Amino acid sequence: MNRHVGTAALEDWSEWEKPVFQAFWLMRIVFTVAPIVFGLDRFAHALVDWNRCLAPEFVGLCPEPPIS
């Protein structure tokens, strides 16, 4: 047999046709990428105006200003 180690999962594409498998990968990608994107947006201010997002009651509790 001429088989490479680690390619067994890629040989069976029938798994990708299953809705459960697709949902698993969709959620895995979204829940990995979304926190990274929103974390970077904290400094880029592209998606959310973070000055208005933080409740005024909590601004006094923060050791730093809301925007660094």
C-alpha atoms as a PDB file:
ATOM      1  CA  MET A   1       0.000   0.000   0.000  1.00  0.00           C
ATOM      2  CA  ASN A   2       1.271   3.429  -0.905  1.00  0.00           C
ATOM      3  CA  ARG A   3      -0.350   5.578   1.750  1.00  0.00           C
ATOM      4  CA  HIS A   4       1.036   8.655   3.465  1.00  0.00           C
ATOM      5  CA  VAL A   5       0.719   9.079   7.192  1.00  0.00           C
ATOM      6  CA  GLY A   6      -1.930  11.631   8.209  1.00  0.00           C
ATOM      7  CA  THR A   7      -3.877  11.695   4.937  1.00  0.00           C
ATOM      8  CA  ALA A   8      -6.538   9.155   5.897  1.00  0.00           C
ATOM      9  CA  ALA A   9      -8.936  11.896   7.044  1.00  0.00           C
ATOM     10  CA  LEU A  10      -8.607  13.751   3.753  1.00  0.00           C
ATOM     11  CA  GLU A  11      -9.331  10.696   1.629  1.00  0.00           C
ATOM     12  CA  ASP A  12     -12.928  10.300   2.844  1.00  0.00           C
ATOM     13  CA  TRP A  13     -14.836  13.322   1.527  1.00  0.00           C
ATOM     14  CA  SER A  14     -18.213  11.741   2.292  1.00  0.00           C
ATOM     15  CA  GLU A  15     -17.984  13.160   5.815  1.00  0.00           C
ATOM     16  CA  TRP A  16     -18.304  16.690   4.415  1.00  0.00           C
ATOM     17  CA  GLU A  17     -21.766  15.878   3.041  1.00  0.00           C
ATOM     18  CA  LYS A  18     -23.181  15.270   6.520  1.00  0.00           C
ATOM     19  CA  PRO A  19     -24.944  18.310   8.053  1.00  0.00           C
ATOM     20  CA  VAL A  20     -23.605  17.519  11.515  1.00  0.00           C
ATOM     21  CA  PHE A  21     -20.030  17.502  10.232  1.00  0.00           C
ATOM     22  CA  GLN A  22     -20.589  20.790   8.374  1.00  0.00           C
ATOM     23  CA  ALA A  23     -22.141  22.391  11.464  1.00  0.00           C
ATOM     24  CA  PHE A  24     -19.216  21.228  13.597  1.00  0.00           C
ATOM     25  CA  TRP A  25     -16.651  22.819  11.290  1.00  0.00           C
ATOM     26  CA  LEU A  26     -18.678  25.986  10.827  1.00  0.00           C
ATOM     27  CA  MET A  27     -18.943  26.473  14.599  1.00  0.00           C
ATOM     28  CA  ARG A  28     -15.291  25.578  15.101  1.00  0.00           C
ATOM     29  CA  ILE A  29     -14.169  28.195  12.591  1.00  0.00           C
ATOM     30  CA  VAL A  30     -16.594  30.903  13.773  1.00  0.00           C
ATOM     31  CA  PHE A  31     -15.815  30.441  17.475  1.00  0.00           C
ATOM     32  CA  THR A  32     -12.106  30.575  16.702  1.00  0.00           C
ATOM     33  CA  VAL A  33     -12.092  33.544  14.336  1.00  0.00           C
ATOM     34  CA  ALA A  34     -14.758  35.748  15.984  1.00  0.00           C
ATOM     35  CA  PRO A  35     -12.956  36.294  19.329  1.00  0.00           C
ATOM     36  CA  ILE A  36      -9.739  37.125  17.492  1.00  0.00           C
ATOM     37  CA  VAL A  37     -11.483  39.617  15.190  1.00  0.00           C
ATOM     38  CA  PHE A  38     -13.403  41.302  18.032  1.00  0.00           C
ATOM     39  CA  GLY A  39     -10.282  41.374  20.192  1.00  0.00           C
ATOM     40  CA  LEU A  40      -8.351  43.144  17.462  1.00  0.00           C
ATOM     41  CA  ASP A  41     -11.267  45.504  16.915  1.00  0.00           C
ATOM     42  CA  ARG A  42     -10.834  46.709  20.481  1.00  0.00           C
ATOM     43  CA  PHE A  43      -7.797  48.589  19.198  1.00  0.00           C
ATOM     44  CA  ALA A  44      -8.900  49.262  15.594  1.00  0.00           C
ATOM     45  CA  HIS A  45     -12.430  50.613  16.318  1.00  0.00           C
ATOM     46  CA  ALA A  46     -13.690  49.310  12.970  1.00  0.00           C
ATOM     47  CA  LEU A  47     -16.759  47.361  14.152  1.00  0.00           C
ATOM     48  CA  VAL A  48     -17.805  48.968  17.459  1.00  0.00           C
ATOM     49  CA  ASP A  49     -17.484  52.394  19.032  1.00  0.00           C
ATOM     50  CA  TRP A  50     -15.941  51.182  22.267  1.00  0.00           C
ATOM     51  CA  ASN A  51     -16.258  54.611  23.916  1.00  0.00           C
ATOM     52  CA  ARG A  52     -20.036  54.177  24.014  1.00  0.00           C
ATOM     53  CA  CYS A  53     -20.050  50.436  24.580  1.00  0.00           C
ATOM     54  CA  LEU A  54     -18.711  50.480  28.154  1.00  0.00           C
ATOM     55  CA  ALA A  55     -21.348  51.385  30.747  1.00  0.00           C
ATOM     56  CA  PRO A  56     -20.558  54.623  32.643  1.00  0.00           C
ATOM     57  CA  GLU A  57     -20.941  52.846  35.988  1.00  0.00           C
ATOM     58  CA  PHE A  58     -17.944  50.646  35.192  1.00  0.00           C
ATOM     59  CA  VAL A  59     -15.637  53.338  33.848  1.00  0.00           C
ATOM     60  CA  GLY A  60     -14.685  54.352  37.402  1.00  0.00           C
ATOM     61  CA  LEU A  61     -13.815  50.758  38.285  1.00  0.00           C
ATOM     62  CA  CYS A  62     -11.290  50.448  35.456  1.00  0.00           C
ATOM     63  CA  PRO A  63      -7.693  51.295  36.349  1.00  0.00           C
ATOM     64  CA  GLU A  64      -7.177  52.633  32.797  1.00  0.00           C
ATOM     65  CA  PRO A  65      -9.338  54.801  30.580  1.00  0.00           C
ATOM     66  CA  PRO A  66     -11.754  52.802  28.433  1.00  0.00           C
ATOM     67  CA  ILE A  67      -9.716  53.417  25.288  1.00  0.00           C
ATOM     68  CA  SER A  68      -6.004  52.788  25.432  1.00  0.00           C
END
